[in-house]
Full PDB file with SEQRES, HELIX, SHEET, SSBOND, CRYST1, ORIGX, SCALE, CONECT and MASTER records, all heavy atoms in Angstrom:
SEQRES   1 A   42  ASN HIS LEU PHE GLY ARG LEU THR ILE LYS SER ALA ARG          
SEQRES   2 A   42  ALA ILE PHE GLY GLN PRO PRO SER SER TRP ALA ASP ASP          
SEQRES   3 A   42  ASP ARG GLY ASP GLU VAL SER PHE GLY PRO GLY SER GLY          
SEQRES   4 A   42  ASP SER THR                                                  
HELIX    1 AA1 HIS A    2  PHE A   16  1                                  15    
HELIX    2 AA2 ARG A   28  GLU A   31  5                                   4    
CRYST1    1.000    1.000    1.000  90.00  90.00  90.00 P 1           1          
ORIGX1      1.000000  0.000000  0.000000        0.00000                         
ORIGX2      0.000000  1.000000  0.000000        0.00000                         
ORIGX3      0.000000  0.000000  1.000000        0.00000                         
SCALE1      1.000000  0.000000  0.000000        0.00000                         
SCALE2      0.000000  1.000000  0.000000        0.00000                         
SCALE3      0.000000  0.000000  1.000000        0.00000                         
ATOM      1  N   ASN A   1      38.058 -41.847 154.672  1.00  0.00           N  
ATOM      2  CA  ASN A   1      37.437 -40.815 155.398  1.00  0.00           C  
ATOM      3  C   ASN A   1      36.207 -40.277 154.643  1.00  0.00           C  
ATOM      4  O   ASN A   1      35.220 -39.839 155.255  1.00  0.00           O  
ATOM      5  CB  ASN A   1      38.454 -39.655 155.643  1.00  0.00           C  
ATOM      6  CG  ASN A   1      39.342 -39.815 156.832  1.00  0.00           C  
ATOM      7  OD1 ASN A   1      39.366 -40.900 157.391  1.00  0.00           O  
ATOM      8  ND2 ASN A   1      40.023 -38.862 157.216  1.00  0.00           N  
ATOM      9  N   HIS A   2      36.257 -40.174 153.324  1.00  0.00           N  
ATOM     10  CA  HIS A   2      35.217 -39.751 152.500  1.00  0.00           C  
ATOM     11  C   HIS A   2      33.916 -40.688 152.728  1.00  0.00           C  
ATOM     12  O   HIS A   2      32.844 -40.097 152.832  1.00  0.00           O  
ATOM     13  CB  HIS A   2      35.591 -39.702 151.041  1.00  0.00           C  
ATOM     14  CG  HIS A   2      34.561 -39.037 150.120  1.00  0.00           C  
ATOM     15  ND1 HIS A   2      34.490 -37.685 149.967  1.00  0.00           N  
ATOM     16  CD2 HIS A   2      33.593 -39.568 149.391  1.00  0.00           C  
ATOM     17  CE1 HIS A   2      33.454 -37.334 149.159  1.00  0.00           C  
ATOM     18  NE2 HIS A   2      32.921 -38.570 148.815  1.00  0.00           N  
ATOM     19  N   LEU A   3      34.182 -41.941 152.676  1.00  0.00           N  
ATOM     20  CA  LEU A   3      33.160 -42.936 152.912  1.00  0.00           C  
ATOM     21  C   LEU A   3      32.484 -42.725 154.180  1.00  0.00           C  
ATOM     22  O   LEU A   3      31.271 -42.776 154.360  1.00  0.00           O  
ATOM     23  CB  LEU A   3      33.687 -44.353 152.774  1.00  0.00           C  
ATOM     24  CG  LEU A   3      32.637 -45.474 153.060  1.00  0.00           C  
ATOM     25  CD1 LEU A   3      31.443 -45.426 152.151  1.00  0.00           C  
ATOM     26  CD2 LEU A   3      33.361 -46.843 153.016  1.00  0.00           C  
ATOM     27  N   PHE A   4      33.361 -42.578 155.300  1.00  0.00           N  
ATOM     28  CA  PHE A   4      32.811 -42.557 156.681  1.00  0.00           C  
ATOM     29  C   PHE A   4      31.974 -41.126 156.705  1.00  0.00           C  
ATOM     30  O   PHE A   4      30.967 -41.092 157.401  1.00  0.00           O  
ATOM     31  CB  PHE A   4      33.879 -42.430 157.747  1.00  0.00           C  
ATOM     32  CG  PHE A   4      34.646 -43.726 157.837  1.00  0.00           C  
ATOM     33  CD1 PHE A   4      35.903 -43.699 158.426  1.00  0.00           C  
ATOM     34  CD2 PHE A   4      34.123 -44.852 157.363  1.00  0.00           C  
ATOM     35  CE1 PHE A   4      36.640 -44.890 158.538  1.00  0.00           C  
ATOM     36  CE2 PHE A   4      34.842 -46.050 157.481  1.00  0.00           C  
ATOM     37  CZ  PHE A   4      36.068 -46.014 158.082  1.00  0.00           C  
ATOM     38  N   GLY A   5      32.499 -40.085 156.068  1.00  0.00           N  
ATOM     39  CA  GLY A   5      31.760 -38.899 156.027  1.00  0.00           C  
ATOM     40  C   GLY A   5      30.442 -38.988 155.338  1.00  0.00           C  
ATOM     41  O   GLY A   5      29.356 -38.451 155.835  1.00  0.00           O  
ATOM     42  N   ARG A   6      30.334 -39.676 154.164  1.00  0.00           N  
ATOM     43  CA  ARG A   6      29.088 -39.887 153.500  1.00  0.00           C  
ATOM     44  C   ARG A   6      27.998 -40.607 154.403  1.00  0.00           C  
ATOM     45  O   ARG A   6      26.878 -40.292 154.416  1.00  0.00           O  
ATOM     46  CB  ARG A   6      29.294 -40.719 152.326  1.00  0.00           C  
ATOM     47  CG  ARG A   6      29.985 -39.933 151.061  1.00  0.00           C  
ATOM     48  CD  ARG A   6      29.015 -39.008 150.450  1.00  0.00           C  
ATOM     49  NE  ARG A   6      29.581 -38.255 149.329  1.00  0.00           N  
ATOM     50  CZ  ARG A   6      28.998 -37.303 148.695  1.00  0.00           C  
ATOM     51  NH1 ARG A   6      27.841 -36.776 149.128  1.00  0.00           N  
ATOM     52  NH2 ARG A   6      29.584 -36.656 147.689  1.00  0.00           N  
ATOM     53  N   LEU A   7      28.548 -41.588 155.160  1.00  0.00           N  
ATOM     54  CA  LEU A   7      27.641 -42.364 156.045  1.00  0.00           C  
ATOM     55  C   LEU A   7      27.139 -41.426 157.122  1.00  0.00           C  
ATOM     56  O   LEU A   7      25.993 -41.540 157.582  1.00  0.00           O  
ATOM     57  CB  LEU A   7      28.411 -43.554 156.645  1.00  0.00           C  
ATOM     58  CG  LEU A   7      28.742 -44.578 155.618  1.00  0.00           C  
ATOM     59  CD1 LEU A   7      29.635 -45.677 156.350  1.00  0.00           C  
ATOM     60  CD2 LEU A   7      27.486 -45.321 155.060  1.00  0.00           C  
ATOM     61  N   THR A   8      27.990 -40.537 157.628  1.00  0.00           N  
ATOM     62  CA  THR A   8      27.565 -39.616 158.655  1.00  0.00           C  
ATOM     63  C   THR A   8      26.533 -38.630 158.170  1.00  0.00           C  
ATOM     64  O   THR A   8      25.506 -38.394 158.825  1.00  0.00           O  
ATOM     65  CB  THR A   8      28.789 -38.833 159.228  1.00  0.00           C  
ATOM     66  OG1 THR A   8      29.831 -39.606 159.758  1.00  0.00           O  
ATOM     67  CG2 THR A   8      28.406 -37.844 160.246  1.00  0.00           C  
ATOM     68  N   ILE A   9      26.681 -38.162 156.918  1.00  0.00           N  
ATOM     69  CA  ILE A   9      25.667 -37.236 156.341  1.00  0.00           C  
ATOM     70  C   ILE A   9      24.362 -37.984 156.220  1.00  0.00           C  
ATOM     71  O   ILE A   9      23.371 -37.436 156.448  1.00  0.00           O  
ATOM     72  CB  ILE A   9      26.230 -36.684 155.031  1.00  0.00           C  
ATOM     73  CG1 ILE A   9      27.421 -35.741 155.300  1.00  0.00           C  
ATOM     74  CG2 ILE A   9      25.143 -35.985 154.225  1.00  0.00           C  
ATOM     75  CD1 ILE A   9      28.098 -35.315 154.014  1.00  0.00           C  
ATOM     76  N   LYS A  10      24.385 -39.205 155.677  1.00  0.00           N  
ATOM     77  CA  LYS A  10      23.167 -39.930 155.471  1.00  0.00           C  
ATOM     78  C   LYS A  10      22.432 -40.122 156.792  1.00  0.00           C  
ATOM     79  O   LYS A  10      21.275 -39.977 156.912  1.00  0.00           O  
ATOM     80  CB  LYS A  10      23.451 -41.301 154.826  1.00  0.00           C  
ATOM     81  CG  LYS A  10      22.304 -42.178 154.539  1.00  0.00           C  
ATOM     82  CD  LYS A  10      22.672 -43.471 153.985  1.00  0.00           C  
ATOM     83  CE  LYS A  10      21.431 -44.393 153.670  1.00  0.00           C  
ATOM     84  NZ  LYS A  10      21.846 -45.647 153.072  1.00  0.00           N  
ATOM     85  N   SER A  11      23.220 -40.493 157.838  1.00  0.00           N  
ATOM     86  CA  SER A  11      22.620 -40.797 159.161  1.00  0.00           C  
ATOM     87  C   SER A  11      22.004 -39.447 159.715  1.00  0.00           C  
ATOM     88  O   SER A  11      20.955 -39.447 160.293  1.00  0.00           O  
ATOM     89  CB  SER A  11      23.693 -41.285 160.126  1.00  0.00           C  
ATOM     90  OG  SER A  11      23.165 -41.404 161.452  1.00  0.00           O  
ATOM     91  N   ALA A  12      22.729 -38.344 159.531  1.00  0.00           N  
ATOM     92  CA  ALA A  12      22.260 -37.057 159.986  1.00  0.00           C  
ATOM     93  C   ALA A  12      20.871 -36.724 159.412  1.00  0.00           C  
ATOM     94  O   ALA A  12      20.035 -36.079 159.990  1.00  0.00           O  
ATOM     95  CB  ALA A  12      23.226 -35.941 159.709  1.00  0.00           C  
ATOM     96  N   ARG A  13      20.742 -36.933 158.074  1.00  0.00           N  
ATOM     97  CA  ARG A  13      19.457 -36.659 157.434  1.00  0.00           C  
ATOM     98  C   ARG A  13      18.321 -37.448 158.117  1.00  0.00           C  
ATOM     99  O   ARG A  13      17.207 -36.897 158.284  1.00  0.00           O  
ATOM    100  CB  ARG A  13      19.527 -37.106 155.912  1.00  0.00           C  
ATOM    101  CG  ARG A  13      20.473 -36.355 155.074  1.00  0.00           C  
ATOM    102  CD  ARG A  13      19.929 -34.995 154.771  1.00  0.00           C  
ATOM    103  NE  ARG A  13      20.844 -34.353 153.864  1.00  0.00           N  
ATOM    104  CZ  ARG A  13      21.981 -33.588 154.136  1.00  0.00           C  
ATOM    105  NH1 ARG A  13      22.345 -33.532 155.422  1.00  0.00           N  
ATOM    106  NH2 ARG A  13      22.678 -33.086 153.271  1.00  0.00           N  
ATOM    107  N   ALA A  14      18.589 -38.695 158.497  1.00  0.00           N  
ATOM    108  CA  ALA A  14      17.560 -39.526 159.100  1.00  0.00           C  
ATOM    109  C   ALA A  14      17.264 -39.045 160.553  1.00  0.00           C  
ATOM    110  O   ALA A  14      16.127 -39.085 160.949  1.00  0.00           O  
ATOM    111  CB  ALA A  14      18.011 -40.949 159.163  1.00  0.00           C  
ATOM    112  N   ILE A  15      18.273 -38.541 161.253  1.00  0.00           N  
ATOM    113  CA  ILE A  15      18.047 -38.131 162.661  1.00  0.00           C  
ATOM    114  C   ILE A  15      17.481 -36.771 162.775  1.00  0.00           C  
ATOM    115  O   ILE A  15      16.545 -36.510 163.575  1.00  0.00           O  
ATOM    116  CB  ILE A  15      19.456 -38.197 163.355  1.00  0.00           C  
ATOM    117  CG1 ILE A  15      20.096 -39.582 163.382  1.00  0.00           C  
ATOM    118  CG2 ILE A  15      19.270 -37.697 164.818  1.00  0.00           C  
ATOM    119  CD1 ILE A  15      19.140 -40.657 163.962  1.00  0.00           C  
ATOM    120  N   PHE A  16      17.842 -35.807 161.887  1.00  0.00           N  
ATOM    121  CA  PHE A  16      17.380 -34.478 161.916  1.00  0.00           C  
ATOM    122  C   PHE A  16      16.107 -34.232 161.124  1.00  0.00           C  
ATOM    123  O   PHE A  16      15.219 -33.422 161.480  1.00  0.00           O  
ATOM    124  CB  PHE A  16      18.466 -33.435 161.431  1.00  0.00           C  
ATOM    125  CG  PHE A  16      19.471 -33.177 162.472  1.00  0.00           C  
ATOM    126  CD1 PHE A  16      20.715 -33.812 162.412  1.00  0.00           C  
ATOM    127  CD2 PHE A  16      19.230 -32.219 163.472  1.00  0.00           C  
ATOM    128  CE1 PHE A  16      21.670 -33.559 163.331  1.00  0.00           C  
ATOM    129  CE2 PHE A  16      20.256 -31.986 164.352  1.00  0.00           C  
ATOM    130  CZ  PHE A  16      21.499 -32.694 164.363  1.00  0.00           C  
ATOM    131  N   GLY A  17      15.875 -35.056 160.077  1.00  0.00           N  
ATOM    132  CA  GLY A  17      14.744 -34.795 159.188  1.00  0.00           C  
ATOM    133  C   GLY A  17      14.871 -33.592 158.306  1.00  0.00           C  
ATOM    134  O   GLY A  17      15.996 -33.103 158.120  1.00  0.00           O  
ATOM    135  N   GLN A  18      13.758 -33.096 157.768  1.00  0.00           N  
ATOM    136  CA  GLN A  18      13.828 -32.001 156.829  1.00  0.00           C  
ATOM    137  C   GLN A  18      14.164 -30.658 157.601  1.00  0.00           C  
ATOM    138  O   GLN A  18      13.573 -30.452 158.691  1.00  0.00           O  
ATOM    139  CB  GLN A  18      12.492 -31.781 156.149  1.00  0.00           C  
ATOM    140  CG  GLN A  18      12.196 -32.843 155.104  1.00  0.00           C  
ATOM    141  CD  GLN A  18      13.181 -32.824 153.984  1.00  0.00           C  
ATOM    142  OE1 GLN A  18      13.497 -31.706 153.453  1.00  0.00           O  
ATOM    143  NE2 GLN A  18      13.583 -33.990 153.514  1.00  0.00           N  
ATOM    144  N   PRO A  19      14.999 -29.847 157.074  1.00  0.00           N  
ATOM    145  CA  PRO A  19      15.274 -28.524 157.716  1.00  0.00           C  
ATOM    146  C   PRO A  19      14.124 -27.567 157.572  1.00  0.00           C  
ATOM    147  O   PRO A  19      13.268 -27.854 156.740  1.00  0.00           O  
ATOM    148  CB  PRO A  19      16.508 -28.021 156.943  1.00  0.00           C  
ATOM    149  CG  PRO A  19      16.330 -28.612 155.588  1.00  0.00           C  
ATOM    150  CD  PRO A  19      15.731 -30.023 155.762  1.00  0.00           C  
ATOM    151  N   PRO A  20      14.073 -26.555 158.371  1.00  0.00           N  
ATOM    152  CA  PRO A  20      13.015 -25.560 158.189  1.00  0.00           C  
ATOM    153  C   PRO A  20      13.163 -24.903 156.821  1.00  0.00           C  
ATOM    154  O   PRO A  20      14.096 -24.849 156.193  1.00  0.00           O  
ATOM    155  CB  PRO A  20      13.324 -24.505 159.290  1.00  0.00           C  
ATOM    156  CG  PRO A  20      14.753 -24.683 159.640  1.00  0.00           C  
ATOM    157  CD  PRO A  20      15.025 -26.203 159.431  1.00  0.00           C  
ATOM    158  N   SER A  21      11.935 -24.528 156.369  1.00  0.00           N  
ATOM    159  CA  SER A  21      11.848 -23.945 154.970  1.00  0.00           C  
ATOM    160  C   SER A  21      12.414 -22.527 154.952  1.00  0.00           C  
ATOM    161  O   SER A  21      12.857 -22.042 153.876  1.00  0.00           O  
ATOM    162  CB  SER A  21      10.385 -23.935 154.494  1.00  0.00           C  
ATOM    163  OG  SER A  21       9.619 -23.172 155.392  1.00  0.00           O  
ATOM    164  N   SER A  22      12.537 -21.851 156.074  1.00  0.00           N  
ATOM    165  CA  SER A  22      13.068 -20.502 156.119  1.00  0.00           C  
ATOM    166  C   SER A  22      13.641 -20.326 157.478  1.00  0.00           C  
ATOM    167  O   SER A  22      13.426 -21.075 158.427  1.00  0.00           O  
ATOM    168  CB  SER A  22      12.061 -19.421 155.828  1.00  0.00           C  
ATOM    169  OG  SER A  22      10.944 -19.531 156.761  1.00  0.00           O  
ATOM    170  N   TRP A  23      14.459 -19.220 157.570  1.00  0.00           N  
ATOM    171  CA  TRP A  23      15.026 -18.918 158.864  1.00  0.00           C  
ATOM    172  C   TRP A  23      14.083 -18.335 159.815  1.00  0.00           C  
ATOM    173  O   TRP A  23      13.192 -17.591 159.458  1.00  0.00           O  
ATOM    174  CB  TRP A  23      16.253 -17.918 158.649  1.00  0.00           C  
ATOM    175  CG  TRP A  23      17.338 -18.499 157.778  1.00  0.00           C  
ATOM    176  CD1 TRP A  23      17.635 -18.195 156.520  1.00  0.00           C  
ATOM    177  CD2 TRP A  23      18.353 -19.534 158.169  1.00  0.00           C  
ATOM    178  NE1 TRP A  23      18.677 -18.911 156.032  1.00  0.00           N  
ATOM    179  CE2 TRP A  23      19.141 -19.701 157.057  1.00  0.00           C  
ATOM    180  CE3 TRP A  23      18.528 -20.271 159.348  1.00  0.00           C  
ATOM    181  CZ2 TRP A  23      20.149 -20.679 157.080  1.00  0.00           C  
ATOM    182  CZ3 TRP A  23      19.499 -21.188 159.321  1.00  0.00           C  
ATOM    183  CH2 TRP A  23      20.379 -21.402 158.205  1.00  0.00           C  
ATOM    184  N   ALA A  24      14.212 -18.681 161.059  1.00  0.00           N  
ATOM    185  CA  ALA A  24      13.343 -18.152 162.127  1.00  0.00           C  
ATOM    186  C   ALA A  24      13.548 -16.680 162.496  1.00  0.00           C  
ATOM    187  O   ALA A  24      12.754 -16.023 163.106  1.00  0.00           O  
ATOM    188  CB  ALA A  24      13.434 -18.978 163.402  1.00  0.00           C  
ATOM    189  N   ASP A  25      14.771 -16.139 162.082  1.00  0.00           N  
ATOM    190  CA  ASP A  25      15.116 -14.722 162.301  1.00  0.00           C  
ATOM    191  C   ASP A  25      15.646 -14.143 161.049  1.00  0.00           C  
ATOM    192  O   ASP A  25      16.069 -14.829 160.068  1.00  0.00           O  
ATOM    193  CB  ASP A  25      16.070 -14.635 163.454  1.00  0.00           C  
ATOM    194  CG  ASP A  25      17.468 -15.228 163.120  1.00  0.00           C  
ATOM    195  OD1 ASP A  25      17.512 -16.521 163.278  1.00  0.00           O  
ATOM    196  OD2 ASP A  25      18.307 -14.569 162.549  1.00  0.00           O  
ATOM    197  N   ASP A  26      15.798 -12.897 161.058  1.00  0.00           N  
ATOM    198  CA  ASP A  26      16.278 -12.187 159.868  1.00  0.00           C  
ATOM    199  C   ASP A  26      17.627 -11.480 160.172  1.00  0.00           C  
ATOM    200  O   ASP A  26      18.274 -10.894 159.272  1.00  0.00           O  
ATOM    201  CB  ASP A  26      15.324 -11.091 159.411  1.00  0.00           C  
ATOM    202  CG  ASP A  26      14.062 -11.678 158.828  1.00  0.00           C  
ATOM    203  OD1 ASP A  26      14.166 -12.803 158.268  1.00  0.00           O  
ATOM    204  OD2 ASP A  26      12.998 -11.162 159.067  1.00  0.00           O  
ATOM    205  N   ASP A  27      18.081 -11.568 161.445  1.00  0.00           N  
ATOM    206  CA  ASP A  27      19.263 -10.711 161.862  1.00  0.00           C  
ATOM    207  C   ASP A  27      20.372 -11.501 162.445  1.00  0.00           C  
ATOM    208  O   ASP A  27      21.206 -11.013 163.125  1.00  0.00           O  
ATOM    209  CB  ASP A  27      18.793  -9.664 162.920  1.00  0.00           C  
ATOM    210  CG  ASP A  27      17.719  -8.753 162.345  1.00  0.00           C  
ATOM    211  OD1 ASP A  27      17.880  -8.330 161.188  1.00  0.00           O  
ATOM    212  OD2 ASP A  27      16.775  -8.622 163.036  1.00  0.00           O  
ATOM    213  N   ARG A  28      20.319 -12.831 162.270  1.00  0.00           N  
ATOM    214  CA  ARG A  28      21.406 -13.693 162.929  1.00  0.00           C  
ATOM    215  C   ARG A  28      22.749 -13.193 162.481  1.00  0.00           C  
ATOM    216  O   ARG A  28      23.744 -13.202 163.323  1.00  0.00           O  
ATOM    217  CB  ARG A  28      21.220 -15.120 162.630  1.00  0.00           C  
ATOM    218  CG  ARG A  28      22.312 -15.916 163.249  1.00  0.00           C  
ATOM    219  CD  ARG A  28      21.997 -17.431 163.236  1.00  0.00           C  
ATOM    220  NE  ARG A  28      20.892 -17.684 164.083  1.00  0.00           N  
ATOM    221  CZ  ARG A  28      20.542 -18.918 164.571  1.00  0.00           C  
ATOM    222  NH1 ARG A  28      21.301 -19.950 164.263  1.00  0.00           N  
ATOM    223  NH2 ARG A  28      19.485 -19.019 165.368  1.00  0.00           N  
ATOM    224  N   GLY A  29      22.961 -12.765 161.230  1.00  0.00           N  
ATOM    225  CA  GLY A  29      24.285 -12.373 160.728  1.00  0.00           C  
ATOM    226  C   GLY A  29      24.814 -11.253 161.558  1.00  0.00           C  
ATOM    227  O   GLY A  29      26.009 -11.036 161.567  1.00  0.00           O  
ATOM    228  N   ASP A  30      23.951 -10.429 162.201  1.00  0.00           N  
ATOM    229  CA  ASP A  30      24.395  -9.330 162.980  1.00  0.00           C  
ATOM    230  C   ASP A  30      24.850  -9.683 164.373  1.00  0.00           C  
ATOM    231  O   ASP A  30      25.314  -8.878 165.146  1.00  0.00           O  
ATOM    232  CB  ASP A  30      23.343  -8.264 163.008  1.00  0.00           C  
ATOM    233  CG  ASP A  30      23.131  -7.607 161.671  1.00  0.00           C  
ATOM    234  OD1 ASP A  30      24.029  -7.648 160.816  1.00  0.00           O  
ATOM    235  OD2 ASP A  30      21.965  -7.239 161.472  1.00  0.00           O  
ATOM    236  N   GLU A  31      24.580 -11.007 164.782  1.00  0.00           N  
ATOM    237  CA  GLU A  31      24.889 -11.342 166.124  1.00  0.00           C  
ATOM    238  C   GLU A  31      26.280 -11.651 166.358  1.00  0.00           C  
ATOM    239  O   GLU A  31      26.764 -11.708 167.535  1.00  0.00           O  
ATOM    240  CB  GLU A  31      24.037 -12.664 166.447  1.00  0.00           C  
ATOM    241  CG  GLU A  31      22.605 -12.491 166.446  1.00  0.00           C  
ATOM    242  CD  GLU A  31      21.938 -13.770 166.560  1.00  0.00           C  
ATOM    243  OE1 GLU A  31      22.544 -14.785 166.840  1.00  0.00           O  
ATOM    244  OE2 GLU A  31      20.607 -13.831 166.483  1.00  0.00           O  
ATOM    245  N   VAL A  32      27.138 -11.776 165.260  1.00  0.00           N  
ATOM    246  CA  VAL A  32      28.511 -12.105 165.396  1.00  0.00           C  
ATOM    247  C   VAL A  32      29.376 -10.981 164.939  1.00  0.00           C  
ATOM    248  O   VAL A  32      29.125 -10.444 163.826  1.00  0.00           O  
ATOM    249  CB  VAL A  32      28.778 -13.388 164.709  1.00  0.00           C  
ATOM    250  CG1 VAL A  32      30.316 -13.742 164.821  1.00  0.00           C  
ATOM    251  CG2 VAL A  32      27.971 -14.486 165.128  1.00  0.00           C  
ATOM    252  N   SER A  33      30.330 -10.572 165.669  1.00  0.00           N  
ATOM    253  CA  SER A  33      31.291  -9.552 165.226  1.00  0.00           C  
ATOM    254  C   SER A  33      32.551 -10.311 164.849  1.00  0.00           C  
ATOM    255  O   SER A  33      32.962 -11.256 165.535  1.00  0.00           O  
ATOM    256  CB  SER A  33      31.462  -8.435 166.213  1.00  0.00           C  
ATOM    257  OG  SER A  33      32.018  -9.006 167.391  1.00  0.00           O  
ATOM    258  N   PHE A  34      33.367  -9.775 163.896  1.00  0.00           N  
ATOM    259  CA  PHE A  34      34.541 -10.378 163.488  1.00  0.00           C  
ATOM    260  C   PHE A  34      35.652  -9.342 163.607  1.00  0.00           C  
ATOM    261  O   PHE A  34      35.630  -8.233 163.104  1.00  0.00           O  
ATOM    262  CB  PHE A  34      34.451 -10.837 161.943  1.00  0.00           C  
ATOM    263  CG  PHE A  34      33.325 -11.804 161.790  1.00  0.00           C  
ATOM    264  CD1 PHE A  34      32.147 -11.387 161.366  1.00  0.00           C  
ATOM    265  CD2 PHE A  34      33.549 -13.190 162.029  1.00  0.00           C  
ATOM    266  CE1 PHE A  34      31.127 -12.345 161.160  1.00  0.00           C  
ATOM    267  CE2 PHE A  34      32.618 -14.056 161.861  1.00  0.00           C  
ATOM    268  CZ  PHE A  34      31.333 -13.736 161.395  1.00  0.00           C  
ATOM    269  N   GLY A  35      36.777  -9.791 164.276  1.00  0.00           N  
ATOM    270  CA  GLY A  35      37.853  -8.931 164.462  1.00  0.00           C  
ATOM    271  C   GLY A  35      38.724  -8.935 163.316  1.00  0.00           C  
ATOM    272  O   GLY A  35      38.516  -9.643 162.202  1.00  0.00           O  
ATOM    273  N   PRO A  36      39.870  -8.182 163.253  1.00  0.00           N  
ATOM    274  CA  PRO A  36      40.749  -8.109 162.147  1.00  0.00           C  
ATOM    275  C   PRO A  36      41.343  -9.455 161.835  1.00  0.00           C  
ATOM    276  O   PRO A  36      41.747 -10.190 162.733  1.00  0.00           O  
ATOM    277  CB  PRO A  36      41.841  -7.126 162.708  1.00  0.00           C  
ATOM    278  CG  PRO A  36      41.197  -6.300 163.673  1.00  0.00           C  
ATOM    279  CD  PRO A  36      40.225  -7.232 164.315  1.00  0.00           C  
ATOM    280  N   GLY A  37      41.362  -9.787 160.594  1.00  0.00           N  
ATOM    281  CA  GLY A  37      41.933 -11.031 160.115  1.00  0.00           C  
ATOM    282  C   GLY A  37      40.928 -12.212 160.133  1.00  0.00           C  
ATOM    283  O   GLY A  37      41.299 -13.290 159.608  1.00  0.00           O  
ATOM    284  N   SER A  38      39.805 -12.005 160.701  1.00  0.00           N  
ATOM    285  CA  SER A  38      38.832 -13.086 160.660  1.00  0.00           C  
ATOM    286  C   SER A  38      38.265 -13.338 159.258  1.00  0.00           C  
ATOM    287  O   SER A  38      38.075 -14.439 158.842  1.00  0.00           O  
ATOM    288  CB  SER A  38      37.677 -12.877 161.679  1.00  0.00           C  
ATOM    289  OG  SER A  38      36.965 -11.703 161.304  1.00  0.00           O  
ATOM    290  N   GLY A  39      37.931 -12.277 158.595  1.00  0.00           N  
ATOM    291  CA  GLY A  39      37.551 -12.299 157.191  1.00  0.00           C  
ATOM    292  C   GLY A  39      36.148 -12.840 156.954  1.00  0.00           C  
ATOM    293  O   GLY A  39      35.631 -13.478 157.841  1.00  0.00           O  
ATOM    294  N   ASP A  40      35.646 -12.616 155.759  1.00  0.00           N  
ATOM    295  CA  ASP A  40      34.439 -13.172 155.303  1.00  0.00           C  
ATOM    296  C   ASP A  40      34.583 -13.966 154.114  1.00  0.00           C  
ATOM    297  O   ASP A  40      33.785 -13.922 153.056  1.00  0.00           O  
ATOM    298  CB  ASP A  40      33.345 -12.107 155.110  1.00  0.00           C  
ATOM    299  CG  ASP A  40      32.885 -11.502 156.468  1.00  0.00           C  
ATOM    300  OD1 ASP A  40      33.089 -12.188 157.444  1.00  0.00           O  
ATOM    301  OD2 ASP A  40      32.366 -10.405 156.411  1.00  0.00           O  
ATOM    302  N   SER A  41      35.765 -14.607 153.908  1.00  0.00           N  
ATOM    303  CA  SER A  41      36.117 -15.226 152.651  1.00  0.00           C  
ATOM    304  C   SER A  41      35.896 -16.802 152.656  1.00  0.00           C  
ATOM    305  O   SER A  41      36.528 -17.575 152.032  1.00  0.00           O  
ATOM    306  CB  SER A  41      37.580 -15.008 152.361  1.00  0.00           C  
ATOM    307  OG  SER A  41      38.370 -15.564 153.400  1.00  0.00           O  
ATOM    308  N   THR A  42      34.799 -17.180 153.442  1.00  0.00           N  
ATOM    309  CA  THR A  42      34.511 -18.618 153.429  1.00  0.00           C  
ATOM    310  C   THR A  42      34.249 -19.062 151.960  1.00  0.00           C  
ATOM    311  O   THR A  42      33.432 -18.404 151.252  1.00  0.00           O  
ATOM    312  CB  THR A  42      33.296 -18.877 154.297  1.00  0.00           C  
ATOM    313  OG1 THR A  42      33.535 -18.455 155.620  1.00  0.00           O  
ATOM    314  CG2 THR A  42      32.970 -20.416 154.296  1.00  0.00           C  
TER     315      THR A  42                                                      
MASTER        0    0    0    2    0    0    0    6  314    1    0    4          
END                                                                             
């Protein structure tokens, strides 16, 4: 599974290219509300 995942990541880089240098917005974090138990402990 790790090998397949590595191949997927490599392919994604080629398909998507370089990510944007900065976020297009400053308030996306406020777009989502979290109910009890959802937590922010990622």
